[in-house]
Amino acid sequence: MNSTMAFENSPRWQDLLGRGLMWLAALGAFAAFASAFAGIGSATPETLWVETWRLFGFLVFTGMFVLVALRPRRSAGVWELAFFHKAAMGVSALFLPGADGAAQAGAIDAVLAAIILAAYILTRGWLAWKNWR
């Protein structure tokens, strides 16, 4: 085994932990999707569109998190897009303190960004780019 192979093969516990973190994130996103139906049910005509957008956004993130949990080194770009969005929303909340829900949603997104980054490192998600064609 050369040093490159040792670097590319993450220890089993790291891989399982990283995948487990992403399954946890997927479960949380799916729970948010399920709870978003209440927002649609109580939405006004002015907020119905954005509540529907949020509902499907939660489902999209559920799918993205499942993809990286199942195939962490075969999901080129998915890791980075998910991390970017969650980190950007966490930072945006700092600049929008008066926006309804920004503090709570921003904190959740910041924690998700940290979880995604930890899982990316644990599973060596960047290797997806080596396998991408």
Protein backbone atom coordinates (compact mmCIF):
# COMPACT_ATOMS: atom_id res chain seq x y z
CA MET A 1 0.00 0.00 0.00
CA ASN A 2 1.44 3.35 -0.97
CA SER A 3 0.85 6.64 0.85
CA THR A 4 -1.74 7.77 -1.70
CA MET A 5 -3.87 4.68 -1.08
CA ALA A 6 -3.65 5.17 2.68
CA PHE A 7 -4.81 8.77 2.28
CA GLU A 8 -7.71 7.82 0.01
CA ASN A 9 -9.05 5.00 2.18
CA SER A 10 -10.72 6.41 5.25
CA PRO A 11 -10.84 4.20 8.32
CA ARG A 12 -14.16 2.36 8.57
CA TRP A 13 -15.22 4.19 11.74
CA GLN A 14 -14.68 7.56 10.07
CA ASP A 15 -16.66 6.53 7.02
CA LEU A 16 -19.53 5.19 9.15
CA LEU A 17 -19.56 8.28 11.35
CA GLY A 18 -19.57 10.62 8.36
CA ARG A 19 -22.35 8.67 6.66
CA GLY A 20 -24.27 8.55 9.93
CA LEU A 21 -24.07 12.33 10.24
CA MET A 22 -25.52 12.70 6.77
CA TRP A 23 -28.31 10.20 7.52
CA LEU A 24 -29.09 12.31 10.58
CA ALA A 25 -29.16 15.44 8.41
CA ALA A 26 -31.44 13.65 5.92
CA LEU A 27 -33.80 12.64 8.72
CA GLY A 28 -33.90 16.22 9.98
CA ALA A 29 -34.57 17.58 6.49
CA PHE A 30 -37.35 15.05 5.99
CA ALA A 31 -38.89 16.00 9.33
CA ALA A 32 -38.77 19.65 8.22
CA PHE A 33 -40.45 18.63 4.95
CA ALA A 34 -43.24 16.85 6.85
CA SER A 35 -43.75 19.78 9.21
CA ALA A 36 -43.80 22.28 6.32
CA PHE A 37 -47.25 21.03 5.32
CA ALA A 38 -48.62 22.89 8.32
CA GLY A 39 -47.10 26.10 6.96
CA ILE A 40 -48.86 25.57 3.66
CA GLY A 41 -52.14 24.87 5.41
CA SER A 42 -51.99 28.13 7.33
CA ALA A 43 -50.40 30.24 4.59
CA THR A 44 -51.99 33.41 3.35
CA PRO A 45 -52.15 34.12 -0.38
CA GLU A 46 -49.09 36.37 0.13
CA THR A 47 -47.01 33.55 1.69
CA LEU A 48 -48.40 30.44 -0.03
CA TRP A 49 -45.78 30.45 -2.79
CA VAL A 50 -42.80 30.83 -0.45
CA GLU A 51 -44.17 28.16 1.91
CA THR A 52 -44.54 25.77 -1.05
CA TRP A 53 -40.98 26.63 -2.13
CA ARG A 54 -39.73 25.85 1.40
CA LEU A 55 -41.61 22.52 1.43
CA PHE A 56 -39.96 21.30 -1.76
CA GLY A 57 -36.60 22.75 -0.71
CA PHE A 58 -36.67 20.52 2.37
CA LEU A 59 -37.39 17.53 0.14
CA VAL A 60 -34.53 18.43 -2.22
CA PHE A 61 -32.10 18.68 0.70
CA THR A 62 -33.39 15.35 2.03
CA GLY A 63 -32.45 13.82 -1.31
CA MET A 64 -29.06 15.53 -1.45
CA PHE A 65 -28.21 14.32 2.06
CA VAL A 66 -29.30 10.77 1.21
CA LEU A 67 -27.13 10.82 -1.94
CA VAL A 68 -23.99 11.79 -0.04
CA ALA A 69 -24.80 9.33 2.77
CA LEU A 70 -25.10 6.49 0.27
CA ARG A 71 -22.27 7.55 -2.07
CA PRO A 72 -19.93 9.97 -0.32
CA ARG A 73 -17.10 9.52 -2.78
CA ARG A 74 -19.36 9.47 -5.84
CA SER A 75 -21.31 12.69 -5.32
CA ALA A 76 -19.12 15.33 -6.93
CA GLY A 77 -20.60 18.76 -6.44
CA VAL A 78 -23.46 17.67 -4.19
CA TRP A 79 -21.36 18.04 -1.04
CA GLU A 80 -20.11 21.45 -2.04
CA LEU A 81 -23.53 22.79 -3.07
CA ALA A 82 -25.15 21.62 0.17
CA PHE A 83 -22.34 23.09 2.27
CA PHE A 84 -22.38 26.38 0.38
CA HIS A 85 -26.12 26.83 0.79
CA LYS A 86 -26.16 26.01 4.50
CA ALA A 87 -23.08 28.14 5.27
CA ALA A 88 -24.44 31.05 3.19
CA MET A 89 -27.78 30.95 4.98
CA GLY A 90 -26.08 30.78 8.37
CA VAL A 91 -23.96 33.84 7.53
CA SER A 92 -26.91 35.66 5.94
CA ALA A 93 -28.87 35.34 9.18
CA LEU A 94 -26.18 37.41 10.90
CA PHE A 95 -26.89 40.27 8.51
CA LEU A 96 -30.68 39.96 8.67
CA PRO A 97 -31.37 39.99 12.41
CA GLY A 98 -34.77 41.64 11.98
CA ALA A 99 -36.10 39.08 9.51
CA ASP A 100 -38.74 36.75 10.93
CA GLY A 101 -37.20 33.36 11.68
CA ALA A 102 -33.67 34.35 10.61
CA ALA A 103 -32.06 33.68 13.99
CA GLN A 104 -33.52 30.19 14.41
CA ALA A 105 -33.16 29.10 10.78
CA GLY A 106 -29.67 30.64 10.57
CA ALA A 107 -28.53 28.73 13.65
CA ILE A 108 -29.91 25.47 12.25
CA ASP A 109 -28.23 26.08 8.89
CA ALA A 110 -24.91 26.93 10.57
CA VAL A 111 -25.04 23.66 12.52
CA LEU A 112 -25.90 21.80 9.31
CA ALA A 113 -22.93 23.43 7.55
CA ALA A 114 -20.66 22.18 10.36
CA ILE A 115 -22.17 18.68 10.13
CA ILE A 116 -21.73 18.60 6.35
CA LEU A 117 -18.13 19.78 6.64
CA ALA A 118 -17.34 17.19 9.32
CA ALA A 119 -18.93 14.40 7.25
CA TYR A 120 -17.10 15.61 4.12
CA ILE A 121 -13.78 15.33 5.94
CA LEU A 122 -14.61 12.03 7.66
CA THR A 123 -15.72 10.33 4.43
CA ARG A 124 -13.16 12.09 2.24
CA GLY A 125 -15.93 13.45 0.06
CA TRP A 126 -13.50 15.44 -2.09
CA LEU A 127 -12.45 12.15 -3.69
CA ALA A 128 -15.73 12.27 -5.62
CA TRP A 129 -13.99 14.68 -7.98
CA LYS A 130 -11.31 12.08 -8.70
CA ASN A 131 -14.00 9.59 -9.69
CA TRP A 132 -16.08 12.12 -11.62
CA ARG A 133 -16.16 11.84 -15.37
